[in-house]
């Protein structure tokens, strides 16, 4: 009989996830280079994320 895999053995679905605190490393803004362009991802005063070029 087949056994059910434990939840910790299951592969995550969807895109990879990164914790915001890891990405921002204590800052409120990070620069992201994409195809030679610089984009800025920042945390607003209302704790929302905004991506601008």
PDB file of N, CA and C in Angstrom:
ATOM      1  N   UNK A   1       0.838  -1.189   0.000  1.00  0.00           N
ATOM      2  CA  UNK A   1       0.000   0.000   0.000  1.00  0.00           C
ATOM      3  C   UNK A   1       0.876   1.243   0.000  1.00  0.00           C
ATOM      4  N   UNK A   2       0.418   2.271  -0.691  1.00  0.00           N
ATOM      5  CA  UNK A   2       1.189   3.515  -0.733  1.00  0.00           C
ATOM      6  C   UNK A   2       1.072   4.283   0.565  1.00  0.00           C
ATOM      7  N   UNK A   3       2.137   4.967   0.922  1.00  0.00           N
ATOM      8  CA  UNK A   3       2.127   5.791   2.129  1.00  0.00           C
ATOM      9  C   UNK A   3       2.015   7.251   1.746  1.00  0.00           C
ATOM     10  N   UNK A   4       1.324   8.012   2.584  1.00  0.00           N
ATOM     11  CA  UNK A   4       1.222   9.441   2.361  1.00  0.00           C
ATOM     12  C   UNK A   4       2.540  10.093   2.746  1.00  0.00           C
ATOM     13  N   UNK A   5       2.981  11.054   1.958  1.00  0.00           N
ATOM     14  CA  UNK A   5       4.207  11.790   2.293  1.00  0.00           C
ATOM     15  C   UNK A   5       3.890  12.780   3.410  1.00  0.00           C
ATOM     16  N   UNK A   6       4.826  12.958   4.318  1.00  0.00           N
ATOM     17  CA  UNK A   6       4.668  13.973   5.351  1.00  0.00           C
ATOM     18  C   UNK A   6       4.656  15.341   4.684  1.00  0.00           C
ATOM     19  N   UNK A   7       4.005  16.317   5.338  1.00  0.00           N
ATOM     20  CA  UNK A   7       3.910  17.645   4.747  1.00  0.00           C
ATOM     21  C   UNK A   7       5.290  18.276   4.551  1.00  0.00           C
ATOM     22  N   UNK A   8       6.266  17.932   5.387  1.00  0.00           N
ATOM     23  CA  UNK A   8       7.602  18.515   5.225  1.00  0.00           C
ATOM     24  C   UNK A   8       8.355  17.895   4.052  1.00  0.00           C
ATOM     25  N   UNK A   9       7.867  16.785   3.522  1.00  0.00           N
ATOM     26  CA  UNK A   9       8.483  16.150   2.366  1.00  0.00           C
ATOM     27  C   UNK A   9       7.907  16.673   1.048  1.00  0.00           C
ATOM     28  N   UNK A  10       6.760  17.335   1.107  1.00  0.00           N
ATOM     29  CA  UNK A  10       6.097  17.801  -0.108  1.00  0.00           C
ATOM     30  C   UNK A  10       6.865  18.969  -0.717  1.00  0.00           C
ATOM     31  N   UNK A  11       6.927  18.993  -2.045  1.00  0.00           N
ATOM     32  CA  UNK A  11       7.588  20.101  -2.735  1.00  0.00           C
ATOM     33  C   UNK A  11       6.649  21.297  -2.737  1.00  0.00           C
ATOM     34  N   UNK A  12       7.198  22.506  -2.480  1.00  0.00           N
ATOM     35  CA  UNK A  12       6.341  23.691  -2.496  1.00  0.00           C
ATOM     36  C   UNK A  12       5.852  23.962  -3.910  1.00  0.00           C
ATOM     37  N   UNK A  13       4.627  24.462  -4.025  1.00  0.00           N
ATOM     38  CA  UNK A  13       4.106  24.794  -5.339  1.00  0.00           C
ATOM     39  C   UNK A  13       4.211  26.300  -5.546  1.00  0.00           C
ATOM     40  N   UNK A  14       4.225  26.703  -6.793  1.00  0.00           N
ATOM     41  CA  UNK A  14       4.303  28.128  -7.101  1.00  0.00           C
ATOM     42  C   UNK A  14       5.738  28.620  -7.157  1.00  0.00           C
ATOM     43  N   UNK A  15       5.891  29.945  -7.272  1.00  0.00           N
ATOM     44  CA  UNK A  15       7.232  30.520  -7.393  1.00  0.00           C
ATOM     45  C   UNK A  15       8.018  30.420  -6.083  1.00  0.00           C
ATOM     46  N   UNK A  16       9.347  30.481  -6.173  1.00  0.00           N
ATOM     47  CA  UNK A  16      10.153  30.471  -4.948  1.00  0.00           C
ATOM     48  C   UNK A  16       9.788  31.674  -4.072  1.00  0.00           C
ATOM     49  N   UNK A  17       9.901  31.505  -2.767  1.00  0.00           N
ATOM     50  CA  UNK A  17       9.583  32.592  -1.836  1.00  0.00           C
ATOM     51  C   UNK A  17      10.833  33.041  -1.094  1.00  0.00           C
ATOM     52  N   UNK A  18      10.916  34.353  -0.876  1.00  0.00           N
ATOM     53  CA  UNK A  18      12.009  34.952  -0.124  1.00  0.00           C
ATOM     54  C   UNK A  18      11.382  35.816   0.956  1.00  0.00           C
ATOM     55  N   UNK A  19      11.831  35.664   2.175  1.00  0.00           N
ATOM     56  CA  UNK A  19      11.329  36.515   3.258  1.00  0.00           C
ATOM     57  C   UNK A  19      11.765  37.954   3.009  1.00  0.00           C
ATOM     58  N   UNK A  20      10.847  38.899   3.165  1.00  0.00           N
ATOM     59  CA  UNK A  20      11.163  40.307   2.939  1.00  0.00           C
ATOM     60  C   UNK A  20      12.297  40.774   3.843  1.00  0.00           C
ATOM     61  N   UNK A  21      12.317  40.324   5.077  1.00  0.00           N
ATOM     62  CA  UNK A  21      13.373  40.776   5.995  1.00  0.00           C
ATOM     63  C   UNK A  21      14.747  40.316   5.517  1.00  0.00           C
ATOM     64  N   UNK A  22      14.802  39.181   4.844  1.00  0.00           N
ATOM     65  CA  UNK A  22      16.067  38.716   4.281  1.00  0.00           C
ATOM     66  C   UNK A  22      16.458  39.572   3.082  1.00  0.00           C
ATOM     67  N   UNK A  23      15.505  39.869   2.236  1.00  0.00           N
ATOM     68  CA  UNK A  23      15.756  40.671   1.047  1.00  0.00           C
ATOM     69  C   UNK A  23      16.169  42.099   1.405  1.00  0.00           C
ATOM     70  N   UNK A  24      15.460  42.716   2.339  1.00  0.00           N
ATOM     71  CA  UNK A  24      15.720  44.110   2.693  1.00  0.00           C
ATOM     72  C   UNK A  24      16.863  44.270   3.700  1.00  0.00           C
ATOM     73  N   UNK A  25      17.151  43.238   4.478  1.00  0.00           N
ATOM     74  CA  UNK A  25      18.273  43.252   5.421  1.00  0.00           C
ATOM     75  C   UNK A  25      18.287  44.511   6.296  1.00  0.00           C
ATOM     76  N   UNK A  26      17.121  44.865   6.841  1.00  0.00           N
ATOM     77  CA  UNK A  26      17.041  46.012   7.750  1.00  0.00           C
ATOM     78  C   UNK A  26      16.875  47.360   7.067  1.00  0.00           C
ATOM     79  N   UNK A  27      16.890  47.384   5.750  1.00  0.00           N
ATOM     80  CA  UNK A  27      16.717  48.633   5.001  1.00  0.00           C
ATOM     81  C   UNK A  27      15.258  48.774   4.568  1.00  0.00           C
ATOM     82  N   UNK A  28      14.897  49.932   4.047  1.00  0.00           N
ATOM     83  CA  UNK A  28      13.536  50.159   3.560  1.00  0.00           C
ATOM     84  C   UNK A  28      13.456  50.077   2.034  1.00  0.00           C
ATOM     85  N   UNK A  29      14.609  49.937   1.368  1.00  0.00           N
ATOM     86  CA  UNK A  29      14.629  49.922  -0.088  1.00  0.00           C
ATOM     87  C   UNK A  29      15.760  49.041  -0.592  1.00  0.00           C
ATOM     88  N   UNK A  30      15.497  48.339  -1.693  1.00  0.00           N
ATOM     89  CA  UNK A  30      16.540  47.563  -2.365  1.00  0.00           C
ATOM     90  C   UNK A  30      16.502  47.908  -3.852  1.00  0.00           C
ATOM     91  N   UNK A  31      17.669  47.844  -4.496  1.00  0.00           N
ATOM     92  CA  UNK A  31      17.766  48.059  -5.934  1.00  0.00           C
ATOM     93  C   UNK A  31      17.859  46.694  -6.594  1.00  0.00           C
ATOM     94  N   UNK A  32      17.108  46.519  -7.674  1.00  0.00           N
ATOM     95  CA  UNK A  32      17.084  45.261  -8.408  1.00  0.00           C
ATOM     96  C   UNK A  32      17.487  45.562  -9.853  1.00  0.00           C
ATOM     97  N   UNK A  33      18.551  44.908 -10.311  1.00  0.00           N
ATOM     98  CA  UNK A  33      18.981  45.083 -11.699  1.00  0.00           C
ATOM     99  C   UNK A  33      18.323  44.002 -12.546  1.00  0.00           C
ATOM    100  N   UNK A  34      17.655  44.439 -13.625  1.00  0.00           N
ATOM    101  CA  UNK A  34      16.979  43.502 -14.526  1.00  0.00           C
ATOM    102  C   UNK A  34      17.195  43.979 -15.945  1.00  0.00           C
ATOM    103  N   UNK A  35      17.899  43.159 -16.718  1.00  0.00           N
ATOM    104  CA  UNK A  35      18.182  43.469 -18.125  1.00  0.00           C
ATOM    105  C   UNK A  35      18.792  44.848 -18.308  1.00  0.00           C
ATOM    106  N   UNK A  36      19.741  45.183 -17.449  1.00  0.00           N
ATOM    107  CA  UNK A  36      20.451  46.452 -17.566  1.00  0.00           C
ATOM    108  C   UNK A  36      19.737  47.649 -16.976  1.00  0.00           C
ATOM    109  N   UNK A  37      18.542  47.458 -16.472  1.00  0.00           N
ATOM    110  CA  UNK A  37      17.771  48.543 -15.853  1.00  0.00           C
ATOM    111  C   UNK A  37      17.762  48.357 -14.345  1.00  0.00           C
ATOM    112  N   UNK A  38      17.676  49.455 -13.620  1.00  0.00           N
ATOM    113  CA  UNK A  38      17.600  49.405 -12.156  1.00  0.00           C
ATOM    114  C   UNK A  38      16.160  49.692 -11.726  1.00  0.00           C
ATOM    115  N   UNK A  39      15.624  48.811 -10.919  1.00  0.00           N
ATOM    116  CA  UNK A  39      14.298  48.976 -10.323  1.00  0.00           C
ATOM    117  C   UNK A  39      14.481  49.110  -8.820  1.00  0.00           C
ATOM    118  N   UNK A  40      13.609  49.845  -8.182  1.00  0.00           N
ATOM    119  CA  UNK A  40      13.675  50.008  -6.733  1.00  0.00           C
ATOM    120  C   UNK A  40      12.429  49.413  -6.103  1.00  0.00           C
ATOM    121  N   UNK A  41      12.652  48.533  -5.147  1.00  0.00           N
ATOM    122  CA  UNK A  41      11.560  47.950  -4.376  1.00  0.00           C
ATOM    123  C   UNK A  41      11.654  48.551  -2.990  1.00  0.00           C
ATOM    124  N   UNK A  42      10.588  49.201  -2.564  1.00  0.00           N
ATOM    125  CA  UNK A  42      10.658  49.855  -1.253  1.00  0.00           C
ATOM    126  C   UNK A  42       9.431  49.568  -0.412  1.00  0.00           C
ATOM    127  N   UNK A  43       9.631  49.675   0.883  1.00  0.00           N
ATOM    128  CA  UNK A  43       8.557  49.519   1.862  1.00  0.00           C
ATOM    129  C   UNK A  43       8.053  50.926   2.188  1.00  0.00           C
ATOM    130  N   UNK A  44       6.757  51.139   2.010  1.00  0.00           N
ATOM    131  CA  UNK A  44       6.181  52.460   2.273  1.00  0.00           C
ATOM    132  C   UNK A  44       5.940  52.659   3.776  1.00  0.00           C
ATOM    133  N   UNK A  45       5.520  53.857   4.113  1.00  0.00           N
ATOM    134  CA  UNK A  45       5.177  54.157   5.511  1.00  0.00           C
ATOM    135  C   UNK A  45       4.018  53.305   6.005  1.00  0.00           C
ATOM    136  N   UNK A  46       3.175  52.863   5.070  1.00  0.00           N
ATOM    137  CA  UNK A  46       2.020  52.032   5.425  1.00  0.00           C
ATOM    138  C   UNK A  46       2.323  50.541   5.316  1.00  0.00           C
ATOM    139  N   UNK A  47       3.612  50.193   5.265  1.00  0.00           N
ATOM    140  CA  UNK A  47       4.065  48.800   5.154  1.00  0.00           C
ATOM    141  C   UNK A  47       3.512  48.080   3.938  1.00  0.00           C
ATOM    142  N   UNK A  48       3.513  48.771   2.811  1.00  0.00           N
ATOM    143  CA  UNK A  48       3.177  48.174   1.517  1.00  0.00           C
ATOM    144  C   UNK A  48       4.456  48.157   0.688  1.00  0.00           C
ATOM    145  N   UNK A  49       4.481  47.335  -0.348  1.00  0.00           N
ATOM    146  CA  UNK A  49       5.635  47.281  -1.247  1.00  0.00           C
ATOM    147  C   UNK A  49       5.316  48.018  -2.540  1.00  0.00           C
ATOM    148  N   UNK A  50       6.287  48.805  -3.005  1.00  0.00           N
ATOM    149  CA  UNK A  50       6.152  49.504  -4.273  1.00  0.00           C
ATOM    150  C   UNK A  50       7.407  49.240  -5.092  1.00  0.00           C
ATOM    151  N   UNK A  51       7.207  48.841  -6.354  1.00  0.00           N
ATOM    152  CA  UNK A  51       8.309  48.622  -7.286  1.00  0.00           C
ATOM    153  C   UNK A  51       8.260  49.724  -8.327  1.00  0.00           C
ATOM    154  N   UNK A  52       9.360  50.476  -8.474  1.00  0.00           N
ATOM    155  CA  UNK A  52       9.427  51.554  -9.463  1.00  0.00           C
ATOM    156  C   UNK A  52      10.676  51.389 -10.307  1.00  0.00           C
ATOM    157  N   UNK A  53      10.628  51.971 -11.490  1.00  0.00           N
ATOM    158  CA  UNK A  53      11.756  51.933 -12.400  1.00  0.00           C
ATOM    159  C   UNK A  53      12.517  53.225 -12.294  1.00  0.00           C
TER     160      UNK A  53
END
